[in-house]
Protein backbone atom coordinates (compact mmCIF):
# COMPACT_ATOMS: atom_id res chain seq x y z
CA MET A 1 235.59 70.78 141.17
CA LEU A 2 235.18 72.82 138.12
CA PHE A 3 235.88 70.33 135.30
CA PHE A 4 232.86 68.23 137.00
CA LEU A 5 230.29 71.06 137.26
CA ASP A 6 231.41 72.38 133.67
CA HIS A 7 230.28 68.59 132.67
CA VAL A 8 227.36 68.51 134.80
CA TYR A 9 226.03 72.33 133.10
CA LEU A 10 226.68 69.99 129.48
CA LEU A 11 224.91 67.42 130.98
CA LEU A 12 221.96 69.70 131.85
CA LYS A 13 221.97 71.53 128.76
CA SER A 14 221.43 67.77 126.65
CA ILE A 15 218.54 67.04 128.78
CA GLU A 16 216.75 70.03 128.35
CA LYS A 17 215.09 68.81 125.41
CA SER A 18 213.59 65.45 126.81
CA LEU A 19 212.10 67.62 129.74
CA GLU A 20 210.83 71.00 127.93
CA ASN A 21 207.70 69.70 127.88
CA ASN A 22 207.58 69.39 131.97
CA MET A 23 209.24 71.88 132.94
CA ASN A 24 210.09 75.82 132.91
CA ASP A 25 214.19 75.50 131.65
CA LYS A 26 215.21 78.84 133.86
CA LYS A 27 213.26 77.65 136.83
CA MET A 28 215.32 74.22 136.07
CA ARG A 29 218.32 75.95 135.86
CA ASN A 30 218.07 78.16 138.88
CA LEU A 31 217.35 74.66 140.77
CA PHE A 32 220.12 72.71 139.57
CA LEU A 33 222.75 75.45 140.38
CA LYS A 34 221.55 75.64 144.05
CA TYR A 35 221.42 71.71 144.16
CA LEU A 36 224.68 72.33 142.85
CA ASN A 37 226.19 75.08 145.37
CA ASN A 38 224.58 72.50 148.07
CA THR A 39 222.34 75.66 148.71
CA ILE A 40 218.63 73.53 147.52
CA SER A 41 216.01 73.61 150.17
CA SER A 42 213.56 70.35 150.61
CA GLU A 43 211.09 72.22 149.27
CA GLU A 44 213.38 72.46 145.96
CA LEU A 45 214.62 69.80 146.15
CA ASN A 46 211.58 68.08 145.91
CA LEU A 47 210.67 70.17 142.94
CA LEU A 48 214.48 69.08 141.12
CA CYS A 49 213.07 65.93 142.16
CA HIS A 50 210.11 65.87 139.78
CA TYR A 51 211.88 67.75 136.91
CA CYS A 52 214.06 64.65 136.44
CA ARG A 53 211.67 61.98 137.87
CA ILE A 54 213.87 60.76 140.21
CA ASP A 55 211.03 60.25 143.07
CA GLU A 56 209.30 57.83 140.03
CA ASN A 57 212.45 56.29 138.29
CA ASP A 58 215.59 56.81 139.20
CA ALA A 59 216.55 54.76 136.21
CA GLU A 60 215.31 57.39 133.61
CA LEU A 61 218.25 59.84 134.10
CA HIS A 62 220.65 57.69 133.68
CA VAL A 63 219.83 56.43 130.59
CA LEU A 64 219.47 59.80 129.34
CA LEU A 65 223.39 60.27 130.61
CA LYS A 66 224.12 57.28 128.91
CA GLU A 67 222.62 58.17 125.79
CA TYR A 68 224.47 61.74 125.58
CA PHE A 69 227.83 59.33 126.52
CA GLU A 70 227.39 57.86 123.50
CA MET A 71 226.30 60.36 121.36
CA GLU A 72 229.00 62.47 122.20
CA THR A 73 231.59 59.36 121.63
CA SER A 74 232.96 58.87 117.92
CA LEU A 75 235.52 56.47 119.30
CA ASP A 76 235.60 52.35 119.16
CA ASN A 77 231.60 52.18 120.76
CA LEU A 78 232.49 48.39 122.35
CA ALA A 79 235.53 49.59 124.34
CA VAL A 80 233.71 52.75 125.86
CA HIS A 81 230.52 50.58 126.96
CA SER A 82 232.65 47.93 128.19
CA ASN A 83 234.42 50.41 130.39
CA PHE A 84 231.44 52.80 130.86
CA GLU A 85 229.30 49.57 132.33
CA GLN A 86 232.46 49.00 134.70
CA LEU A 87 232.73 52.81 136.03
CA LYS A 88 229.24 52.25 136.62
CA GLU A 89 229.40 49.43 138.59
CA ASN A 90 232.12 50.67 140.86
CA SER A 91 230.05 53.91 140.82
CA TRP A 92 226.57 52.54 142.42
CA ARG A 93 228.32 50.02 145.00
CA ASN A 94 230.30 53.66 146.45
CA ILE A 95 226.64 55.00 146.70
CA GLU A 96 224.76 51.91 148.27
CA LYS A 97 227.65 51.50 150.65
CA ARG A 98 227.35 55.58 151.74
CA ILE A 99 223.21 55.14 151.96
CA LYS A 100 223.60 51.74 153.77
CA ASP A 101 226.15 54.17 156.03
CA GLU A 102 222.97 56.33 156.68
CA PRO A 103 221.68 55.83 160.11
CA ASP A 104 217.89 54.92 159.47
CA SER A 105 216.39 57.56 160.70
CA LYS A 106 217.75 59.80 158.15
CA ARG A 107 217.20 57.06 155.39
CA THR A 108 213.39 57.59 154.62
CA VAL A 109 212.48 58.11 150.68
CA GLY A 110 211.12 61.22 151.34
CA SER A 111 214.16 62.50 153.19
CA PHE A 112 216.19 65.38 151.79
CA ARG A 113 219.83 63.39 152.66
CA PHE A 114 218.36 60.10 151.39
CA LYS A 115 217.03 62.43 148.14
CA PHE A 116 220.43 63.87 147.88
CA SER A 117 222.16 60.56 147.81
CA ILE A 118 220.04 59.26 144.93
CA ALA A 119 220.53 62.67 142.84
CA ALA A 120 224.10 62.77 143.83
CA SER A 121 224.88 58.91 142.69
CA LEU A 122 223.78 59.96 139.16
CA LEU A 123 226.06 62.47 139.40
CA ILE A 124 228.91 60.77 140.26
CA LEU A 125 228.22 58.18 137.57
CA GLY A 126 227.97 60.92 135.16
CA SER A 127 231.38 62.16 136.01
CA PHE A 128 233.03 58.68 135.70
CA SER A 129 231.22 58.50 131.93
CA PHE A 130 232.97 62.20 131.12
CA TYR A 131 236.42 61.14 133.20
CA MET A 132 236.12 57.57 130.73
CA PHE A 133 234.87 59.94 127.32
CA SER A 134 237.54 62.57 128.04
CA ARG A 135 240.66 59.85 128.53
CA LEU A 136 239.69 57.55 125.58
CA LYS A 137 239.63 60.71 123.24
CA ALA A 138 242.46 62.25 124.99
CA ASP A 139 244.83 61.76 121.62
CA LYS A 140 242.39 62.34 119.36
CA THR A 141 241.19 65.22 121.07
CA LYS A 142 244.49 66.56 120.57
CA ALA A 143 244.79 65.97 116.83
CA ILE A 144 241.59 67.23 116.03
CA GLU A 145 242.71 70.37 117.74
CA LEU A 146 245.84 70.98 115.62
CA GLN A 147 243.62 70.71 112.18
CA ASP A 148 240.72 72.44 114.04
CA ILE A 149 239.64 76.28 113.09
CA GLN A 150 240.87 78.71 115.70
CA PRO A 151 238.09 81.56 116.20
CA GLY A 152 238.73 85.39 115.31
CA LYS A 153 240.55 87.62 117.51
CA GLU A 154 241.54 91.64 117.79
CA GLN A 155 243.33 92.07 115.07
CA ALA A 156 242.87 95.13 112.68
CA LYS A 157 245.15 97.67 110.22
CA LEU A 158 245.19 101.31 110.53
CA ILE A 159 245.64 103.06 107.15
CA VAL A 160 246.61 106.82 107.09
CA SER A 161 245.46 108.90 104.14
CA ASP A 162 248.95 108.88 102.77
CA GLY A 163 249.29 105.05 102.49
CA THR A 164 251.37 104.17 105.85
CA VAL A 165 249.94 100.96 107.48
CA TYR A 166 249.94 100.57 110.55
CA THR A 167 249.37 96.73 111.83
CA LEU A 168 247.33 97.16 115.33
CA ASN A 169 248.62 95.02 118.36
CA GLY A 170 246.08 92.51 119.14
CA ARG A 171 246.94 92.55 122.96
CA SER A 172 245.92 95.69 123.70
CA GLU A 173 242.33 95.03 121.84
CA GLU A 174 242.11 99.10 121.63
CA VAL A 175 243.24 102.50 120.00
CA ILE A 176 242.59 105.67 120.85
CA SER A 177 243.16 108.83 117.77
CA ASP A 178 243.18 112.29 118.45
CA ARG A 179 245.04 115.76 118.21
CA ASN A 180 248.00 113.88 119.67
CA GLY A 181 247.94 110.94 117.44
CA ILE A 182 247.42 107.46 117.85
CA ARG A 183 248.22 105.26 120.63
CA TYR A 184 247.40 101.98 122.32
CA LYS A 185 244.27 102.53 124.98
CA ASP A 186 247.23 100.88 127.39
CA GLY A 187 249.22 104.13 126.81
CA ASP A 188 252.20 102.79 124.13
CA THR A 189 252.21 105.51 120.94
CA LEU A 190 251.88 103.87 117.90
CA ALA A 191 251.79 107.47 115.72
CA GLN A 192 252.30 110.64 115.76
CA ILE A 193 250.08 112.39 113.15
CA ALA A 194 250.94 116.35 112.94
CA SER A 195 248.01 117.25 110.80
CA ASN A 196 244.00 116.32 110.26
CA GLU A 197 244.19 112.91 108.43
CA LEU A 198 241.66 110.55 107.07
CA MET A 199 242.19 107.43 108.85
CA THR A 200 241.27 103.92 108.18
CA LEU A 201 240.68 101.65 111.02
CA LEU A 202 239.53 98.26 108.88
CA THR A 203 239.02 94.43 110.39
CA PRO A 204 239.90 91.57 108.25
CA ARG A 205 237.43 88.29 108.29
CA GLY A 206 238.69 86.79 111.94
CA GLY A 207 238.97 89.83 113.47
CA ASN A 208 237.70 93.13 115.28
CA TYR A 209 238.90 95.56 117.13
CA LYS A 210 237.94 98.89 119.20
CA LEU A 211 238.64 102.44 118.88
CA THR A 212 237.63 105.40 120.97
CA LEU A 213 237.88 108.89 118.63
CA GLN A 214 239.43 112.53 119.21
CA ASP A 215 235.71 113.70 120.70
CA GLY A 216 235.09 110.68 123.41
CA THR A 217 233.27 108.50 121.10
CA ARG A 218 233.90 104.71 121.23
CA VAL A 219 233.46 102.05 117.96
CA TRP A 220 233.32 98.48 117.99
CA LEU A 221 233.91 97.49 115.04
CA ASN A 222 233.18 93.78 113.76
CA ALA A 223 234.81 91.39 111.59
CA GLN A 224 235.08 92.37 107.73
CA SER A 225 234.63 95.63 108.36
CA SER A 226 235.96 99.25 107.98
CA LEU A 227 235.42 102.99 109.92
CA ARG A 228 236.87 106.06 107.93
CA TYR A 229 236.77 109.38 109.62
CA PRO A 230 239.36 112.05 111.05
CA THR A 231 241.88 112.54 113.48
CA PHE A 232 239.90 115.27 115.09
CA PHE A 233 236.29 116.63 114.04
CA SER A 234 236.11 120.10 112.60
CA GLY A 235 233.18 121.72 111.29
CA LYS A 236 229.60 121.58 112.17
CA GLU A 237 229.19 118.06 112.05
CA ARG A 238 231.44 114.96 112.99
CA VAL A 239 231.31 112.66 110.43
CA VAL A 240 232.50 109.08 109.55
CA GLU A 241 231.71 105.93 106.97
CA LEU A 242 231.40 102.79 107.79
CA LYS A 243 231.50 99.86 105.87
CA GLY A 244 230.06 96.42 107.60
CA GLU A 245 229.30 96.47 111.39
CA ALA A 246 230.01 98.83 113.95
CA TYR A 247 228.77 99.67 117.53
CA PHE A 248 229.03 103.45 118.77
CA GLU A 249 228.30 104.97 121.92
CA VAL A 250 228.67 108.59 120.66
CA ALA A 251 229.62 110.71 122.64
CA HIS A 252 227.47 114.25 123.08
CA ASN A 253 227.29 117.09 121.69
CA SER A 254 224.16 118.63 120.78
CA LYS A 255 226.32 121.74 118.35
CA GLN A 256 227.92 118.95 116.50
CA PRO A 257 225.61 116.17 115.51
CA PHE A 258 227.59 112.92 114.53
CA ILE A 259 227.02 111.39 110.98
CA VAL A 260 227.36 107.51 110.79
CA ASN A 261 227.36 107.38 106.51
CA THR A 262 226.73 103.92 105.03
CA ALA A 263 226.64 102.72 101.03
CA ALA A 264 222.76 103.39 101.64
CA GLN A 265 222.24 105.63 104.26
CA LYS A 266 222.81 108.48 106.98
CA VAL A 267 222.57 108.16 110.58
CA LYS A 268 222.13 111.51 112.17
CA VAL A 269 223.47 111.41 116.10
CA LEU A 270 223.68 113.64 118.98
CA GLY A 271 224.70 111.02 121.88
CA THR A 272 223.47 107.49 121.77
CA SER A 273 224.29 104.17 121.28
CA PHE A 274 223.37 101.90 118.52
CA ASN A 275 224.63 99.47 115.92
CA ILE A 276 224.70 99.52 112.12
CA ASN A 277 224.90 96.58 110.37
CA ALA A 278 225.76 96.84 106.82
CA TYR A 279 227.10 95.00 105.37
CA ALA A 280 227.65 94.58 101.37
CA ASN A 281 226.86 90.83 101.33
CA GLU A 282 223.40 91.53 103.26
CA ASN A 283 219.76 92.43 101.83
CA SER A 284 219.60 94.88 104.11
CA THR A 285 221.09 97.72 105.93
CA ILE A 286 219.90 97.35 109.63
CA THR A 287 219.99 99.87 112.72
CA THR A 288 219.62 99.55 116.01
CA LEU A 289 219.11 101.48 118.69
CA VAL A 290 220.02 101.17 122.36
CA THR A 291 219.87 104.15 123.82
CA GLY A 292 219.39 108.39 122.64
CA ARG A 293 217.57 108.68 119.75
CA VAL A 294 218.34 108.90 115.69
CA GLN A 295 217.13 110.10 112.84
CA ILE A 296 218.10 108.14 109.66
CA ASN A 297 218.22 110.06 106.08
CA ASP A 298 218.68 108.60 102.89
CA LYS A 299 222.01 109.16 100.55
CA SER A 300 220.22 113.10 99.84
CA ASP A 301 220.04 113.79 103.49
CA ARG A 302 216.28 113.14 103.50
CA LYS A 303 214.80 112.25 106.82
CA LEU A 304 213.63 108.67 106.07
CA GLN A 305 213.05 107.68 109.93
CA VAL A 306 213.63 108.52 113.56
CA LEU A 307 214.24 105.80 116.27
CA VAL A 308 213.51 105.59 120.08
CA PRO A 309 215.21 102.91 122.05
CA ARG A 310 214.86 99.46 121.10
CA GLN A 311 213.31 100.51 118.04
CA GLN A 312 215.63 98.37 114.33
CA ALA A 313 215.31 100.08 111.06
CA ASN A 314 216.01 97.86 108.11
CA ASN A 315 216.57 99.69 104.94
CA ASN A 316 216.25 97.65 102.28
CA GLY A 317 217.14 100.11 99.76
CA THR A 318 213.63 100.82 98.95
CA THR A 319 211.79 101.24 102.19
CA VAL A 320 212.68 102.05 105.52
CA THR A 321 211.05 99.59 107.89
CA VAL A 322 210.77 99.57 111.60
CA GLU A 323 210.31 97.40 114.59
CA ASN A 324 210.60 97.24 118.63
CA VAL A 325 213.44 94.62 119.09
CA ASP A 326 215.63 92.73 122.07
CA THR A 327 218.56 94.79 121.34
CA ASP A 328 220.65 92.33 123.16
CA LEU A 329 220.72 90.56 120.35
CA TYR A 330 222.33 93.03 118.03
CA THR A 331 224.78 93.89 119.99
CA ALA A 332 226.18 90.96 122.01
CA TRP A 333 228.66 89.90 118.93
CA LYS A 334 230.21 92.72 120.87
CA ASP A 335 230.75 90.89 124.37
CA GLY A 336 231.74 87.55 122.63
CA THR A 337 229.06 85.55 121.90
CA PHE A 338 226.37 84.64 118.63
CA ARG A 339 223.03 84.94 119.82
CA PHE A 340 220.10 84.06 117.21
CA ARG A 341 216.50 83.62 117.90
CA SER A 342 214.43 82.69 115.37
CA THR A 343 217.23 83.43 112.97
CA PRO A 344 217.22 82.14 109.49
CA LEU A 345 220.20 79.64 108.81
CA PRO A 346 221.57 81.52 106.24
CA ASP A 347 222.22 84.67 108.28
CA ALA A 348 223.16 83.23 110.91
CA LEU A 349 226.11 81.36 108.63
CA ARG A 350 226.72 84.49 107.33
CA GLN A 351 228.16 85.99 110.90
CA ILE A 352 229.88 82.58 111.53
CA GLU A 353 231.32 82.94 107.80
CA ARG A 354 233.24 86.25 108.84
CA TRP A 355 234.07 85.55 112.25
CA TYR A 356 235.69 82.07 111.36
CA ASP A 357 236.97 83.88 107.58
CA LEU A 358 235.36 80.84 105.69
CA GLU A 359 233.59 80.46 102.72
CA ILE A 360 230.51 78.91 102.81
CA ASP A 361 228.33 77.27 99.97
CA TYR A 362 225.03 77.86 100.66
CA ARG A 363 223.38 76.34 97.80
CA ASP A 364 222.14 73.87 99.49
CA ILE A 365 221.18 75.38 102.88
CA PRO A 366 217.58 75.45 104.05
CA GLU A 367 216.47 79.31 104.46
CA SER A 368 213.64 77.83 106.07
CA ILE A 369 215.22 76.56 109.06
CA LYS A 370 215.18 79.33 111.92
CA ILE A 371 217.55 79.07 114.77
CA HIS A 372 217.97 79.80 118.74
CA ALA A 373 220.98 79.45 120.62
CA SER A 374 223.96 81.79 122.13
CA ILE A 375 227.24 80.43 121.17
CA ALA A 376 230.32 82.13 122.43
CA ARG A 377 232.59 83.84 119.56
CA ASP A 378 235.56 82.37 121.44
CA SER A 379 234.48 78.69 120.82
CA ASN A 380 236.78 76.63 118.30
CA LEU A 381 234.95 75.90 114.36
CA SER A 382 233.94 72.35 115.47
CA THR A 383 232.26 73.32 118.68
CA VAL A 384 229.98 75.96 116.47
CA ILE A 385 229.59 73.64 113.73
CA HIS A 386 228.64 70.85 116.10
CA ALA A 387 226.28 73.07 118.04
CA LEU A 388 224.60 74.30 114.61
CA GLU A 389 224.40 69.93 113.93
CA LYS A 390 222.35 69.45 116.91
CA ILE A 391 220.19 72.19 117.16
CA THR A 392 218.84 71.77 113.07
CA GLY A 393 219.40 67.67 112.63
CA LEU A 394 221.60 68.90 109.53
CA LYS A 395 225.33 67.68 108.55
CA PHE A 396 227.87 70.03 107.40
CA ASN A 397 231.39 68.96 105.61
CA VAL A 398 234.27 71.03 106.24
CA LYS A 399 237.55 70.98 104.36
CA GLY A 400 240.15 73.60 105.50
CA ARG A 401 237.89 77.24 105.54
CA SER A 402 235.65 75.81 103.17
CA VAL A 403 231.99 74.60 104.86
CA SER A 404 229.33 72.65 102.69
CA MET A 405 226.08 70.61 103.90
CA MET A 406 226.29 66.77 103.86
CA LYS A 407 224.10 65.41 101.00
């Protein structure tokens, strides 16, 4: 059943573009889920049927199904289509028999059960096509998976100021650093630190990790990033140094402000949650405030801007601009999602490059193309590339860990 629902969802996504001029995507999706869960009312089914044009021409959805099936398969088309047509005929015979077995009193064109049977026939046809598709692709998919690039994972190194390096256990996902030393979140001790040491948490390309500091502040460190911090905080300020990207949930302490130093700025907070993107290969340092209040200073500690929730500061090294934003777009990475909304294609590709440890040739990548998508970060690279190709209409060439545009 889960296999069937998963593929029906993919089917729904594939026909959204064809229906977008006639429906509201969110409403359509909600109606479709109600239909799958068998909780849809007669009125709602009428609306769903209208969206899918089942009332007017139930063959149209069949055409979309077949187009999707043909688009997805890259095997011998003649063999696939031959089997597809046979499965289609078998499916229609079974559905026609079910409809004929309905009492005449329940089989009027306007009836709920009759429309349900018509819609079910198309879904069953779709399930047959996906079943056939999966059978024919099974061996080829296994071969592709062996060559595919896996997504990033929880991995990092912790470097002590004396040069000692600890390779962190990815299964634990989080390390805690305090006066008692360094331990994993599950309680296993990593190291005993007798004095206040400067530590560096370092994530490679294709890695991220979580850290809880001595004061209770939590940090999510994105791929190809580093955070330098003391074992415990002393003095008037809690100071850390960031390269790359991190999301902070800072423990409140009005007497000891929390300072995040980057190459371009200082961010001063008392207790709040925010994201900083300070990669060296990005044009600006971007600070996105989720809750609380932050003050952005330059390197000489001169105040530049103060942010309130749902504001973002863009510091290009010369000027700082502030705008209101949807903060979820800039923090979704920590929850396992790439979220793009009118994002220039090169900007999106740099995120993908870091997470999959790639080398992307940007020379032929058009900067004018902007994308709107949500992609799970636990997807294999082939899935992400396929999604980008569908969205942009471009073709990418992947050789090993090198990606370029196909001319």
